[in-house]
């Protein structure tokens, strides 16, 4: 549901399975600062339902 809500809002969200849990991710951001800004925007919009999150570097 979260992935769908984010996609509807225009974010390129995807779901992955990791260690038996599911994560919703938004990849391909240019910088860590961009990722932190997006996370703040998501958390500020209560309608999206993002209650927690983290910024991490993707494996290359």
PDB file of N, CA and C in Angstrom:
ATOM      1  N   UNK A   1       0.824  -1.200   0.000  1.00  0.00           N
ATOM      2  CA  UNK A   1       0.000   0.000   0.000  1.00  0.00           C
ATOM      3  C   UNK A   1       0.865   1.260   0.000  1.00  0.00           C
ATOM      4  N   UNK A   2       1.948   1.240   0.786  1.00  0.00           N
ATOM      5  CA  UNK A   2       2.822   2.411   0.845  1.00  0.00           C
ATOM      6  C   UNK A   2       3.460   2.674  -0.515  1.00  0.00           C
ATOM      7  N   UNK A   3       3.930   1.621  -1.168  1.00  0.00           N
ATOM      8  CA  UNK A   3       4.529   1.785  -2.495  1.00  0.00           C
ATOM      9  C   UNK A   3       3.544   2.430  -3.458  1.00  0.00           C
ATOM     10  N   UNK A   4       2.332   1.964  -3.449  1.00  0.00           N
ATOM     11  CA  UNK A   4       1.308   2.509  -4.340  1.00  0.00           C
ATOM     12  C   UNK A   4       1.023   3.972  -4.025  1.00  0.00           C
ATOM     13  N   UNK A   5       0.929   4.316  -2.751  1.00  0.00           N
ATOM     14  CA  UNK A   5       0.673   5.705  -2.360  1.00  0.00           C
ATOM     15  C   UNK A   5       1.812   6.613  -2.811  1.00  0.00           C
ATOM     16  N   UNK A   6       3.042   6.146  -2.650  1.00  0.00           N
ATOM     17  CA  UNK A   6       4.190   6.945  -3.069  1.00  0.00           C
ATOM     18  C   UNK A   6       4.241   7.089  -4.585  1.00  0.00           C
ATOM     19  N   UNK A   7       3.960   6.021  -5.303  1.00  0.00           N
ATOM     20  CA  UNK A   7       3.956   6.092  -6.766  1.00  0.00           C
ATOM     21  C   UNK A   7       2.866   7.042  -7.263  1.00  0.00           C
ATOM     22  N   UNK A   8       1.709   6.985  -6.644  1.00  0.00           N
ATOM     23  CA  UNK A   8       0.618   7.884  -7.011  1.00  0.00           C
ATOM     24  C   UNK A   8       1.015   9.340  -6.781  1.00  0.00           C
ATOM     25  N   UNK A   9       1.822   9.574  -5.739  1.00  0.00           N
ATOM     26  CA  UNK A   9       2.293  10.930  -5.430  1.00  0.00           C
ATOM     27  C   UNK A   9       3.478  11.339  -6.306  1.00  0.00           C
ATOM     28  N   UNK A  10       3.928  10.443  -7.192  1.00  0.00           N
ATOM     29  CA  UNK A  10       4.976  10.780  -8.130  1.00  0.00           C
ATOM     30  C   UNK A  10       6.371  10.320  -7.765  1.00  0.00           C
ATOM     31  N   UNK A  11       6.506   9.526  -6.727  1.00  0.00           N
ATOM     32  CA  UNK A  11       7.810   9.009  -6.317  1.00  0.00           C
ATOM     33  C   UNK A  11       8.052   7.635  -6.951  1.00  0.00           C
ATOM     34  N   UNK A  12       9.268   7.368  -7.421  1.00  0.00           N
ATOM     35  CA  UNK A  12       9.558   6.074  -8.053  1.00  0.00           C
ATOM     36  C   UNK A  12       9.844   4.989  -7.003  1.00  0.00           C
ATOM     37  N   UNK A  13       8.866   4.683  -6.200  1.00  0.00           N
ATOM     38  CA  UNK A  13       9.040   3.726  -5.101  1.00  0.00           C
ATOM     39  C   UNK A  13       8.998   2.291  -5.605  1.00  0.00           C
ATOM     40  N   UNK A  14       9.761   1.443  -4.952  1.00  0.00           N
ATOM     41  CA  UNK A  14       9.743   0.009  -5.260  1.00  0.00           C
ATOM     42  C   UNK A  14       9.839  -0.765  -3.953  1.00  0.00           C
ATOM     43  N   UNK A  15       9.409  -2.010  -3.991  1.00  0.00           N
ATOM     44  CA  UNK A  15       9.440  -2.882  -2.822  1.00  0.00           C
ATOM     45  C   UNK A  15      10.482  -3.965  -3.044  1.00  0.00           C
ATOM     46  N   UNK A  16      11.278  -4.213  -2.009  1.00  0.00           N
ATOM     47  CA  UNK A  16      12.210  -5.335  -2.050  1.00  0.00           C
ATOM     48  C   UNK A  16      12.035  -6.152  -0.782  1.00  0.00           C
ATOM     49  N   UNK A  17      12.388  -7.423  -0.859  1.00  0.00           N
ATOM     50  CA  UNK A  17      12.365  -8.306   0.292  1.00  0.00           C
ATOM     51  C   UNK A  17      13.794  -8.419   0.810  1.00  0.00           C
ATOM     52  N   UNK A  18      13.959  -8.202   2.101  1.00  0.00           N
ATOM     53  CA  UNK A  18      15.285  -8.242   2.704  1.00  0.00           C
ATOM     54  C   UNK A  18      15.177  -8.924   4.062  1.00  0.00           C
ATOM     55  N   UNK A  19      15.848 -10.035   4.205  1.00  0.00           N
ATOM     56  CA  UNK A  19      15.861 -10.788   5.470  1.00  0.00           C
ATOM     57  C   UNK A  19      14.453 -11.102   5.969  1.00  0.00           C
ATOM     58  N   UNK A  20      13.579 -11.476   5.059  1.00  0.00           N
ATOM     59  CA  UNK A  20      12.226 -11.853   5.438  1.00  0.00           C
ATOM     60  C   UNK A  20      11.298 -10.685   5.706  1.00  0.00           C
ATOM     61  N   UNK A  21      11.778  -9.452   5.504  1.00  0.00           N
ATOM     62  CA  UNK A  21      10.954  -8.256   5.696  1.00  0.00           C
ATOM     63  C   UNK A  21      10.881  -7.522   4.366  1.00  0.00           C
ATOM     64  N   UNK A  22       9.945  -6.616   4.269  1.00  0.00           N
ATOM     65  CA  UNK A  22       9.797  -5.830   3.049  1.00  0.00           C
ATOM     66  C   UNK A  22      10.215  -4.395   3.307  1.00  0.00           C
ATOM     67  N   UNK A  23      10.892  -3.810   2.327  1.00  0.00           N
ATOM     68  CA  UNK A  23      11.292  -2.414   2.387  1.00  0.00           C
ATOM     69  C   UNK A  23      10.733  -1.703   1.169  1.00  0.00           C
ATOM     70  N   UNK A  24      10.280  -0.485   1.387  1.00  0.00           N
ATOM     71  CA  UNK A  24       9.883   0.378   0.287  1.00  0.00           C
ATOM     72  C   UNK A  24      11.033   1.353   0.094  1.00  0.00           C
ATOM     73  N   UNK A  25      11.540   1.420  -1.134  1.00  0.00           N
ATOM     74  CA  UNK A  25      12.709   2.254  -1.419  1.00  0.00           C
ATOM     75  C   UNK A  25      12.432   3.240  -2.534  1.00  0.00           C
ATOM     76  N   UNK A  26      13.124   4.357  -2.441  1.00  0.00           N
ATOM     77  CA  UNK A  26      13.179   5.319  -3.534  1.00  0.00           C
ATOM     78  C   UNK A  26      14.657   5.456  -3.857  1.00  0.00           C
ATOM     79  N   UNK A  27      15.047   4.965  -5.010  1.00  0.00           N
ATOM     80  CA  UNK A  27      16.453   4.938  -5.409  1.00  0.00           C
ATOM     81  C   UNK A  27      16.754   6.028  -6.424  1.00  0.00           C
ATOM     82  N   UNK A  28      18.006   6.086  -6.832  1.00  0.00           N
ATOM     83  CA  UNK A  28      18.478   6.955  -7.903  1.00  0.00           C
ATOM     84  C   UNK A  28      18.459   8.438  -7.560  1.00  0.00           C
ATOM     85  N   UNK A  29      18.597   8.782  -6.293  1.00  0.00           N
ATOM     86  CA  UNK A  29      18.726  10.187  -5.928  1.00  0.00           C
ATOM     87  C   UNK A  29      20.189  10.583  -6.066  1.00  0.00           C
ATOM     88  N   UNK A  30      20.438  11.814  -6.476  1.00  0.00           N
ATOM     89  CA  UNK A  30      21.789  12.243  -6.833  1.00  0.00           C
ATOM     90  C   UNK A  30      22.737  12.320  -5.639  1.00  0.00           C
ATOM     91  N   UNK A  31      22.255  12.816  -4.511  1.00  0.00           N
ATOM     92  CA  UNK A  31      23.134  13.006  -3.358  1.00  0.00           C
ATOM     93  C   UNK A  31      22.436  12.569  -2.080  1.00  0.00           C
ATOM     94  N   UNK A  32      23.230  12.411  -1.054  1.00  0.00           N
ATOM     95  CA  UNK A  32      22.684  12.086   0.263  1.00  0.00           C
ATOM     96  C   UNK A  32      21.746  13.201   0.732  1.00  0.00           C
ATOM     97  N   UNK A  33      22.121  14.437   0.445  1.00  0.00           N
ATOM     98  CA  UNK A  33      21.293  15.584   0.834  1.00  0.00           C
ATOM     99  C   UNK A  33      19.939  15.538   0.137  1.00  0.00           C
ATOM    100  N   UNK A  34      19.931  15.146  -1.135  1.00  0.00           N
ATOM    101  CA  UNK A  34      18.665  14.982  -1.857  1.00  0.00           C
ATOM    102  C   UNK A  34      17.793  13.921  -1.178  1.00  0.00           C
ATOM    103  N   UNK A  35      18.410  12.819  -0.816  1.00  0.00           N
ATOM    104  CA  UNK A  35      17.671  11.725  -0.166  1.00  0.00           C
ATOM    105  C   UNK A  35      17.109  12.172   1.177  1.00  0.00           C
ATOM    106  N   UNK A  36      17.897  12.913   1.947  1.00  0.00           N
ATOM    107  CA  UNK A  36      17.426  13.403   3.248  1.00  0.00           C
ATOM    108  C   UNK A  36      16.265  14.381   3.075  1.00  0.00           C
ATOM    109  N   UNK A  37      16.342  15.229   2.046  1.00  0.00           N
ATOM    110  CA  UNK A  37      15.251  16.180   1.783  1.00  0.00           C
ATOM    111  C   UNK A  37      13.973  15.450   1.388  1.00  0.00           C
ATOM    112  N   UNK A  38      14.095  14.426   0.549  1.00  0.00           N
ATOM    113  CA  UNK A  38      12.919  13.644   0.139  1.00  0.00           C
ATOM    114  C   UNK A  38      12.309  12.949   1.351  1.00  0.00           C
ATOM    115  N   UNK A  39      13.135  12.366   2.199  1.00  0.00           N
ATOM    116  CA  UNK A  39      12.621  11.695   3.399  1.00  0.00           C
ATOM    117  C   UNK A  39      11.859  12.678   4.283  1.00  0.00           C
ATOM    118  N   UNK A  40      12.377  13.871   4.463  1.00  0.00           N
ATOM    119  CA  UNK A  40      11.678  14.888   5.269  1.00  0.00           C
ATOM    120  C   UNK A  40      10.337  15.252   4.645  1.00  0.00           C
ATOM    121  N   UNK A  41      10.300  15.394   3.319  1.00  0.00           N
ATOM    122  CA  UNK A  41       9.044  15.700   2.632  1.00  0.00           C
ATOM    123  C   UNK A  41       8.020  14.591   2.841  1.00  0.00           C
ATOM    124  N   UNK A  42       8.479  13.355   2.730  1.00  0.00           N
ATOM    125  CA  UNK A  42       7.569  12.218   2.901  1.00  0.00           C
ATOM    126  C   UNK A  42       7.013  12.163   4.312  1.00  0.00           C
ATOM    127  N   UNK A  43       7.867  12.373   5.299  1.00  0.00           N
ATOM    128  CA  UNK A  43       7.432  12.317   6.693  1.00  0.00           C
ATOM    129  C   UNK A  43       6.516  13.489   7.048  1.00  0.00           C
ATOM    130  N   UNK A  44       6.671  14.617   6.366  1.00  0.00           N
ATOM    131  CA  UNK A  44       5.837  15.790   6.632  1.00  0.00           C
ATOM    132  C   UNK A  44       4.428  15.641   6.056  1.00  0.00           C
ATOM    133  N   UNK A  45       4.258  14.740   5.106  1.00  0.00           N
ATOM    134  CA  UNK A  45       2.960  14.532   4.470  1.00  0.00           C
ATOM    135  C   UNK A  45       2.272  13.326   5.114  1.00  0.00           C
ATOM    136  N   UNK A  46       1.483  13.577   6.132  1.00  0.00           N
ATOM    137  CA  UNK A  46       0.835  12.501   6.896  1.00  0.00           C
ATOM    138  C   UNK A  46      -0.042  11.613   6.016  1.00  0.00           C
ATOM    139  N   UNK A  47      -0.577  12.153   4.934  1.00  0.00           N
ATOM    140  CA  UNK A  47      -1.459  11.380   4.065  1.00  0.00           C
ATOM    141  C   UNK A  47      -0.733  10.214   3.396  1.00  0.00           C
ATOM    142  N   UNK A  48       0.586  10.312   3.257  1.00  0.00           N
ATOM    143  CA  UNK A  48       1.351   9.231   2.623  1.00  0.00           C
ATOM    144  C   UNK A  48       1.602   8.066   3.574  1.00  0.00           C
ATOM    145  N   UNK A  49       1.592   8.307   4.870  1.00  0.00           N
ATOM    146  CA  UNK A  49       1.766   7.233   5.836  1.00  0.00           C
ATOM    147  C   UNK A  49       3.203   6.818   6.090  1.00  0.00           C
ATOM    148  N   UNK A  50       4.168   7.703   5.779  1.00  0.00           N
ATOM    149  CA  UNK A  50       5.573   7.382   6.044  1.00  0.00           C
ATOM    150  C   UNK A  50       5.869   7.780   7.483  1.00  0.00           C
ATOM    151  N   UNK A  51       6.021   6.796   8.345  1.00  0.00           N
ATOM    152  CA  UNK A  51       6.242   7.082   9.766  1.00  0.00           C
ATOM    153  C   UNK A  51       7.696   6.951  10.174  1.00  0.00           C
ATOM    154  N   UNK A  52       8.470   6.239   9.383  1.00  0.00           N
ATOM    155  CA  UNK A  52       9.889   6.089   9.681  1.00  0.00           C
ATOM    156  C   UNK A  52      10.648   5.910   8.370  1.00  0.00           C
ATOM    157  N   UNK A  53      11.918   6.096   8.433  1.00  0.00           N
ATOM    158  CA  UNK A  53      12.720   5.930   7.229  1.00  0.00           C
ATOM    159  C   UNK A  53      14.196   6.144   7.547  1.00  0.00           C
ATOM    160  N   UNK A  54      15.003   5.869   6.551  1.00  0.00           N
ATOM    161  CA  UNK A  54      16.444   6.087   6.706  1.00  0.00           C
ATOM    162  C   UNK A  54      17.042   6.342   5.336  1.00  0.00           C
ATOM    163  N   UNK A  55      18.178   6.991   5.353  1.00  0.00           N
ATOM    164  CA  UNK A  55      18.925   7.250   4.129  1.00  0.00           C
ATOM    165  C   UNK A  55      20.147   6.347   4.143  1.00  0.00           C
ATOM    166  N   UNK A  56      20.352   5.629   3.059  1.00  0.00           N
ATOM    167  CA  UNK A  56      21.495   4.708   2.968  1.00  0.00           C
ATOM    168  C   UNK A  56      22.070   4.754   1.561  1.00  0.00           C
ATOM    169  N   UNK A  57      23.354   4.531   1.482  1.00  0.00           N
ATOM    170  CA  UNK A  57      24.004   4.441   0.176  1.00  0.00           C
ATOM    171  C   UNK A  57      23.683   3.089  -0.442  1.00  0.00           C
ATOM    172  N   UNK A  58      23.392   3.099  -1.709  1.00  0.00           N
ATOM    173  CA  UNK A  58      23.101   1.855  -2.420  1.00  0.00           C
ATOM    174  C   UNK A  58      24.397   1.149  -2.761  1.00  0.00           C
ATOM    175  N   UNK A  59      24.353  -0.157  -2.751  1.00  0.00           N
ATOM    176  CA  UNK A  59      25.507  -0.948  -3.169  1.00  0.00           C
ATOM    177  C   UNK A  59      25.679  -0.787  -4.676  1.00  0.00           C
ATOM    178  N   UNK A  60      26.913  -0.713  -5.112  1.00  0.00           N
ATOM    179  CA  UNK A  60      27.158  -0.541  -6.549  1.00  0.00           C
ATOM    180  C   UNK A  60      27.678  -1.791  -7.156  1.00  0.00           C
TER     181      UNK A  60
END
